[in-house]
Amino acid sequence: MTPAEYVQLKAFARIDGARLALLWVASFTCYIVGIANPLYGMVALVLMVTTPFFVSRRLMKFRDEGLGGTISFGRGWGYSLYTFFYASILLALAQYVYFAYIDQGYLMQSFSQALTSAEARQMIEQYGMQQAIEESLEQFGRMRPIDYVLNILTVNIMIGAVLALPIAAFIKKLK
């Protein structure tokens, strides 16, 4: 790959990473709203499941319009990796703003309420996990917004690297 082709790949991936980030921010927003309204929780799940299809579609567009209809596995994988990386960074920024300035303990309170309901308590007691759950909630409550964001960022990049493999294999097209 020439330096010009590498610049082109990164430019397309940045744009598509921003588009993917919008999809993920919408999914994250629906997830937060879905804590109180389960319909939005389902929307969040559907949006998240569309991620590989979205990236595949954008990679096909890059292959067909940017590269004249051919793309190698390596270039497709690199494009997908960059797309997931840029989207993960933008999502992390949005999540940091949410956790640092908007959340005000809402997520932690929601988890606590869910785990202290009668049904959840009974199930936790049956499995003998009272102490583990209490320690987890305590540790979760001590986390700073940047801790949440870095954990989610790391997971998103790792999942993106794994998803990029079948996406690149499926979309590759040689002469």
Protein backbone atom coordinates (compact mmCIF):
# COMPACT_ATOMS: atom_id res chain seq x y z
CA MET A 1 0.00 0.00 0.00
CA THR A 2 1.41 3.36 -1.01
CA PRO A 3 1.42 6.32 1.39
CA ALA A 4 -1.35 7.98 -0.64
CA GLU A 5 -3.50 4.85 -0.42
CA TYR A 6 -2.90 4.70 3.33
CA VAL A 7 -4.00 8.33 3.72
CA GLN A 8 -7.10 7.57 1.65
CA LEU A 9 -7.92 4.51 3.78
CA LYS A 10 -7.61 6.50 7.02
CA ALA A 11 -9.69 9.39 5.64
CA PHE A 12 -12.56 7.10 4.65
CA ALA A 13 -12.27 5.25 7.97
CA ARG A 14 -12.43 8.53 9.93
CA ILE A 15 -15.64 9.56 8.21
CA ASP A 16 -17.21 6.14 8.62
CA GLY A 17 -15.94 5.96 12.21
CA ALA A 18 -17.83 9.19 12.92
CA ARG A 19 -20.96 7.67 11.37
CA LEU A 20 -20.55 4.52 13.43
CA ALA A 21 -20.03 6.64 16.54
CA LEU A 22 -23.38 8.32 15.90
CA LEU A 23 -24.99 4.88 15.73
CA TRP A 24 -23.28 3.87 18.99
CA VAL A 25 -24.19 7.11 20.76
CA ALA A 26 -27.82 6.56 19.75
CA SER A 27 -27.58 3.01 21.08
CA PHE A 28 -26.01 4.18 24.35
CA THR A 29 -28.70 6.85 24.74
CA CYS A 30 -31.42 4.27 24.16
CA TYR A 31 -29.74 1.99 26.70
CA ILE A 32 -29.80 4.69 29.38
CA VAL A 33 -33.41 5.61 28.60
CA GLY A 34 -34.20 1.88 28.38
CA ILE A 35 -33.45 1.44 32.07
CA ALA A 36 -36.79 3.10 32.76
CA ASN A 37 -38.53 2.14 29.49
CA PRO A 38 -37.78 -1.39 28.18
CA LEU A 39 -38.81 -0.52 24.62
CA TYR A 40 -35.77 1.75 24.33
CA GLY A 41 -33.62 -1.03 25.71
CA MET A 42 -34.68 -3.20 22.78
CA VAL A 43 -33.93 -0.35 20.36
CA ALA A 44 -30.44 -0.08 21.92
CA LEU A 45 -29.88 -3.79 21.37
CA VAL A 46 -31.03 -3.64 17.75
CA LEU A 47 -28.77 -0.66 17.06
CA MET A 48 -25.80 -2.45 18.59
CA VAL A 49 -26.45 -5.64 16.61
CA THR A 50 -26.49 -3.64 13.36
CA THR A 51 -22.85 -2.60 13.91
CA PRO A 52 -21.16 -5.31 11.80
CA PHE A 53 -23.69 -4.82 9.00
CA PHE A 54 -23.13 -1.08 9.07
CA VAL A 55 -19.34 -1.46 8.89
CA SER A 56 -19.68 -4.07 6.13
CA ARG A 57 -21.85 -1.73 4.10
CA ARG A 58 -19.42 1.17 4.55
CA LEU A 59 -16.48 -1.07 3.61
CA MET A 60 -18.29 -2.15 0.43
CA LYS A 61 -18.87 1.50 -0.41
CA PHE A 62 -15.16 2.24 0.16
CA ARG A 63 -14.19 -0.77 -1.97
CA ASP A 64 -16.52 0.14 -4.82
CA GLU A 65 -16.20 3.94 -4.86
CA GLY A 66 -12.76 4.56 -3.39
CA LEU A 67 -10.84 1.60 -4.77
CA GLY A 68 -12.61 0.80 -8.02
CA GLY A 69 -14.23 -2.45 -6.88
CA THR A 70 -11.28 -4.39 -5.48
CA ILE A 71 -9.92 -4.68 -1.95
CA SER A 72 -7.57 -7.13 -0.28
CA PHE A 73 -8.27 -8.78 3.04
CA GLY A 74 -5.48 -6.79 4.72
CA ARG A 75 -6.72 -3.44 3.49
CA GLY A 76 -10.31 -4.33 4.42
CA TRP A 77 -9.19 -5.39 7.87
CA GLY A 78 -7.15 -2.22 8.31
CA TYR A 79 -10.07 -0.07 7.20
CA SER A 80 -12.42 -1.87 9.59
CA LEU A 81 -9.93 -1.58 12.46
CA TYR A 82 -9.56 2.14 11.93
CA THR A 83 -13.32 2.59 11.64
CA PHE A 84 -13.90 0.80 14.95
CA PHE A 85 -11.04 2.69 16.57
CA TYR A 86 -12.31 6.13 15.55
CA ALA A 87 -15.87 5.25 16.54
CA SER A 88 -14.67 3.96 19.91
CA ILE A 89 -12.79 7.19 20.61
CA LEU A 90 -15.79 9.35 19.74
CA LEU A 91 -18.15 7.16 21.78
CA ALA A 92 -15.73 7.39 24.71
CA LEU A 93 -15.84 11.18 24.53
CA ALA A 94 -19.64 11.17 24.52
CA GLN A 95 -19.77 8.69 27.39
CA TYR A 96 -17.30 10.72 29.42
CA VAL A 97 -19.51 13.79 29.06
CA TYR A 98 -22.50 11.70 30.11
CA PHE A 99 -20.86 10.07 33.15
CA ALA A 100 -19.04 13.20 34.31
CA TYR A 101 -21.77 15.80 33.84
CA ILE A 102 -25.18 14.24 33.21
CA ASP A 103 -25.49 10.89 35.01
CA GLN A 104 -25.19 12.10 38.62
CA GLY A 105 -25.32 8.51 39.90
CA TYR A 106 -28.40 7.46 37.91
CA LEU A 107 -26.82 4.33 36.42
CA MET A 108 -25.44 3.18 39.78
CA GLN A 109 -28.78 3.82 41.48
CA SER A 110 -30.60 1.86 38.76
CA PHE A 111 -28.28 -1.13 39.16
CA SER A 112 -28.67 -1.00 42.95
CA GLN A 113 -32.45 -0.90 42.70
CA ALA A 114 -32.50 -3.80 40.24
CA LEU A 115 -30.26 -5.92 42.46
CA THR A 116 -32.14 -5.15 45.67
CA SER A 117 -35.59 -6.02 44.34
CA ALA A 118 -37.30 -8.98 45.98
CA GLU A 119 -36.85 -11.25 42.95
CA ALA A 120 -33.19 -10.37 42.51
CA ARG A 121 -32.45 -10.82 46.22
CA GLN A 122 -34.04 -14.26 46.18
CA MET A 123 -32.02 -15.34 43.15
CA ILE A 124 -28.79 -13.91 44.60
CA GLU A 125 -29.37 -15.76 47.86
CA GLN A 126 -30.07 -19.03 46.00
CA TYR A 127 -26.72 -18.79 44.26
CA GLY A 128 -24.93 -17.60 47.40
CA MET A 129 -23.62 -14.47 45.76
CA GLN A 130 -24.66 -11.82 48.31
CA GLN A 131 -21.13 -10.86 49.26
CA ALA A 132 -19.85 -10.80 45.67
CA ILE A 133 -22.73 -8.58 44.54
CA GLU A 134 -22.27 -6.19 47.46
CA GLU A 135 -18.53 -5.93 46.78
CA SER A 136 -19.16 -5.38 43.08
CA LEU A 137 -21.68 -2.62 43.74
CA GLU A 138 -19.31 -0.99 46.21
CA GLN A 139 -16.45 -1.11 43.73
CA PHE A 140 -18.72 0.13 40.93
CA GLY A 141 -19.73 3.07 43.10
CA ARG A 142 -16.10 4.06 43.68
CA MET A 143 -15.25 4.23 39.99
CA ARG A 144 -14.64 7.60 38.38
CA PRO A 145 -16.23 8.53 35.03
CA ILE A 146 -12.89 8.07 33.26
CA ASP A 147 -12.70 4.52 34.64
CA TYR A 148 -16.05 3.59 33.08
CA VAL A 149 -15.08 5.17 29.79
CA LEU A 150 -11.66 3.53 29.55
CA ASN A 151 -13.15 0.11 30.29
CA ILE A 152 -15.81 0.53 27.61
CA LEU A 153 -13.26 1.98 25.17
CA THR A 154 -10.99 -1.02 25.60
CA VAL A 155 -13.84 -3.48 25.12
CA ASN A 156 -15.09 -1.66 22.01
CA ILE A 157 -11.66 -1.67 20.39
CA MET A 158 -11.13 -5.36 21.15
CA ILE A 159 -14.57 -6.35 19.86
CA GLY A 160 -13.98 -4.20 16.79
CA ALA A 161 -10.69 -5.97 16.09
CA VAL A 162 -12.45 -9.33 16.25
CA LEU A 163 -15.44 -8.23 14.16
CA ALA A 164 -13.12 -6.70 11.57
CA LEU A 165 -11.79 -10.15 10.63
CA PRO A 166 -15.01 -11.67 9.25
CA ILE A 167 -16.08 -8.32 7.81
CA ALA A 168 -12.84 -8.02 5.84
CA ALA A 169 -13.00 -11.66 4.76
CA PHE A 170 -16.58 -11.27 3.54
CA ILE A 171 -16.04 -7.99 1.68
CA LYS A 172 -12.65 -8.77 0.11
CA LYS A 173 -12.71 -8.80 -3.65
CA LEU A 174 -9.66 -9.30 -5.80
CA LYS A 175 -9.22 -8.89 -9.56
